C-alpha atoms as a PDB file:
ATOM      1  CA  MET A   1      87.244 131.675 116.290  1.00  0.00           C
ATOM      2  CA  ASP A   2      88.633 131.299 112.788  1.00  0.00           C
ATOM      3  CA  ASP A   3      86.639 130.056 109.785  1.00  0.00           C
ATOM      4  CA  LEU A   4      88.143 126.554 109.834  1.00  0.00           C
ATOM      5  CA  THR A   5      87.272 126.038 113.496  1.00  0.00           C
ATOM      6  CA  LEU A   6      83.724 127.255 112.854  1.00  0.00           C
ATOM      7  CA  PHE A   7      83.436 124.849 109.918  1.00  0.00           C
ATOM      8  CA  GLY A   8      84.560 121.970 112.157  1.00  0.00           C
ATOM      9  CA  LEU A   9      82.137 122.962 114.895  1.00  0.00           C
ATOM     10  CA  ILE A  10      79.232 123.034 112.434  1.00  0.00           C
ATOM     11  CA  ALA A  11      80.217 119.680 110.902  1.00  0.00           C
ATOM     12  CA  VAL A  12      80.513 117.891 114.239  1.00  0.00           C
ATOM     13  CA  THR A  13      77.312 119.484 115.570  1.00  0.00           C
ATOM     14  CA  ALA A  14      75.473 118.311 112.441  1.00  0.00           C
ATOM     15  CA  MET A  15      76.836 114.804 113.023  1.00  0.00           C
ATOM     16  CA  LEU A  16      75.438 114.804 116.550  1.00  0.00           C
ATOM     17  CA  VAL A  17      72.021 116.116 115.502  1.00  0.00           C
ATOM     18  CA  PHE A  18      71.583 113.730 112.575  1.00  0.00           C
ATOM     19  CA  TYR A  19      72.833 110.770 114.621  1.00  0.00           C
ATOM     20  CA  ALA A  20      70.164 111.519 117.216  1.00  0.00           C
ATOM     21  CA  LEU A  21      67.480 111.617 114.488  1.00  0.00           C
ATOM     22  CA  GLU A  22      68.552 108.465 112.589  1.00  0.00           C
ATOM     23  CA  ASP A  23      65.676 106.303 113.844  1.00  0.00           C
ATOM     24  CA  ARG A  24      63.112 108.657 112.310  1.00  0.00           C
ATOM     25  CA  SER A  25      64.078 108.202 108.662  1.00  0.00           C
ATOM     26  CA  PRO A  26      66.799 106.731 106.469  1.00  0.00           C
ATOM     27  CA  TRP A  27      67.311 110.245 105.129  1.00  0.00           C
ATOM     28  CA  PHE A  28      68.767 111.282 108.484  1.00  0.00           C
ATOM     29  CA  VAL A  29      71.316 108.487 108.073  1.00  0.00           C
ATOM     30  CA  LEU A  30      72.258 109.997 104.717  1.00  0.00           C
ATOM     31  CA  ALA A  31      72.500 113.434 106.335  1.00  0.00           C
ATOM     32  CA  PHE A  32      74.750 111.890 109.009  1.00  0.00           C
ATOM     33  CA  ALA A  33      76.976 110.504 106.237  1.00  0.00           C
ATOM     34  CA  ALA A  34      77.218 113.955 104.668  1.00  0.00           C
ATOM     35  CA  ALA A  35      78.104 115.483 108.048  1.00  0.00           C
ATOM     36  CA  CYS A  36      80.789 112.804 108.511  1.00  0.00           C
ATOM     37  CA  ALA A  37      82.230 113.749 105.114  1.00  0.00           C
ATOM     38  CA  LEU A  38      82.337 117.394 106.190  1.00  0.00           C
ATOM     39  CA  ALA A  39      84.024 116.444 109.471  1.00  0.00           C
ATOM     40  CA  SER A  40      86.538 114.372 107.517  1.00  0.00           C
ATOM     41  CA  THR A  41      87.278 117.350 105.302  1.00  0.00           C
ATOM     42  CA  TYR A  42      87.760 119.468 108.408  1.00  0.00           C
ATOM     43  CA  GLY A  43      90.174 116.917 109.877  1.00  0.00           C
ATOM     44  CA  PHE A  44      92.349 116.877 106.771  1.00  0.00           C
ATOM     45  CA  LEU A  45      92.273 120.678 106.387  1.00  0.00           C
ATOM     46  CA  GLN A  46      93.163 121.142 110.040  1.00  0.00           C
ATOM     47  CA  GLY A  47      96.113 118.761 109.740  1.00  0.00           C
ATOM     48  CA  ALA A  48      94.716 116.017 111.955  1.00  0.00           C
ATOM     49  CA  TRP A  49      94.825 113.282 109.330  1.00  0.00           C
ATOM     50  CA  PRO A  50      93.882 110.439 111.734  1.00  0.00           C
ATOM     51  CA  PHE A  51      90.632 112.284 112.524  1.00  0.00           C
ATOM     52  CA  GLY A  52      90.043 112.886 108.823  1.00  0.00           C
ATOM     53  CA  ALA A  53      90.670 109.232 107.994  1.00  0.00           C
ATOM     54  CA  VAL A  54      88.358 107.928 110.735  1.00  0.00           C
ATOM     55  CA  GLU A  55      85.585 110.283 109.669  1.00  0.00           C
ATOM     56  CA  ALA A  56      86.032 109.142 106.056  1.00  0.00           C
ATOM     57  CA  VAL A  57      85.501 105.549 107.209  1.00  0.00           C
ATOM     58  CA  TRP A  58      82.403 106.630 109.164  1.00  0.00           C
ATOM     59  CA  THR A  59      81.110 108.245 105.977  1.00  0.00           C
ATOM     60  CA  LEU A  60      81.340 104.903 104.160  1.00  0.00           C
ATOM     61  CA  VAL A  61      79.739 103.040 107.083  1.00  0.00           C
ATOM     62  CA  ALA A  62      76.856 105.528 107.202  1.00  0.00           C
ATOM     63  CA  LEU A  63      76.302 105.299 103.433  1.00  0.00           C
ATOM     64  CA  ARG A  64      76.046 101.513 103.727  1.00  0.00           C
ATOM     65  CA  ARG A  65      73.614 101.874 106.643  1.00  0.00           C
ATOM     66  CA  PHE A  66      71.531 104.300 104.564  1.00  0.00           C
ATOM     67  CA  LYS A  67      71.332 101.786 101.722  1.00  0.00           C
ATOM     68  CA  LEU A  68      70.275  98.971 104.064  1.00  0.00           C
ATOM     69  CA  ARG A  69      67.717 101.065 105.955  1.00  0.00           C
ATOM     70  CA  ARG A  70      66.295 102.411 102.726  1.00  0.00           C
ATOM     71  CA  GLU A  71      65.700  98.838 101.536  1.00  0.00           C
ATOM     72  CA  VAL A  72      64.011  97.922 104.831  1.00  0.00           C
ATOM     73  CA  PHE A  73      61.764 101.004 104.719  1.00  0.00           C
ATOM     74  CA  ASP A  74      60.824 100.251 101.100  1.00  0.00           C
ATOM     75  CA  GLN A  75      59.930  96.649 102.006  1.00  0.00           C
ATOM     76  CA  LEU A  76      57.851  97.858 104.949  1.00  0.00           C
ATOM     77  CA  ASP A  77      56.032 100.390 102.775  1.00  0.00           C
ATOM     78  CA  ARG A  78      55.225  97.695 100.201  1.00  0.00           C
ATOM     79  CA  ALA A  79      54.033  95.309 102.918  1.00  0.00           C
ATOM     80  CA  LEU A  80      51.718  97.972 104.310  1.00  0.00           C
ATOM     81  CA  GLY A  81      50.489  98.892 100.834  1.00  0.00           C
ATOM     82  CA  LEU A  82      51.779 102.450 101.078  1.00  0.00           C
ATOM     83  CA  VAL A  83      53.566 102.354  97.715  1.00  0.00           C
ATOM     84  CA  ALA A  84      52.919 100.551  94.473  1.00  0.00           C
ATOM     85  CA  VAL A  85      55.025  97.473  93.804  1.00  0.00           C
ATOM     86  CA  ARG A  86      57.381  98.095  90.887  1.00  0.00           C
END
């Protein structure tokens, strides 16, 4: 297995793991976005530009989901009195 294939395997495995953990914390959504960016990089380096492009779009979708979930978690924390209101 060459280095590029190993990089792709790690990126896609990280995507799977972080996707499975997304409901636990918004930070896992951010980690999923980072893994998507790595998978996109792999796709472009490997020469499969459609894969790279789709993963780039997934990166943007995941970043938006992180932002929205982060806001929801912050509102929930404030409602429960777990953090001080700014």
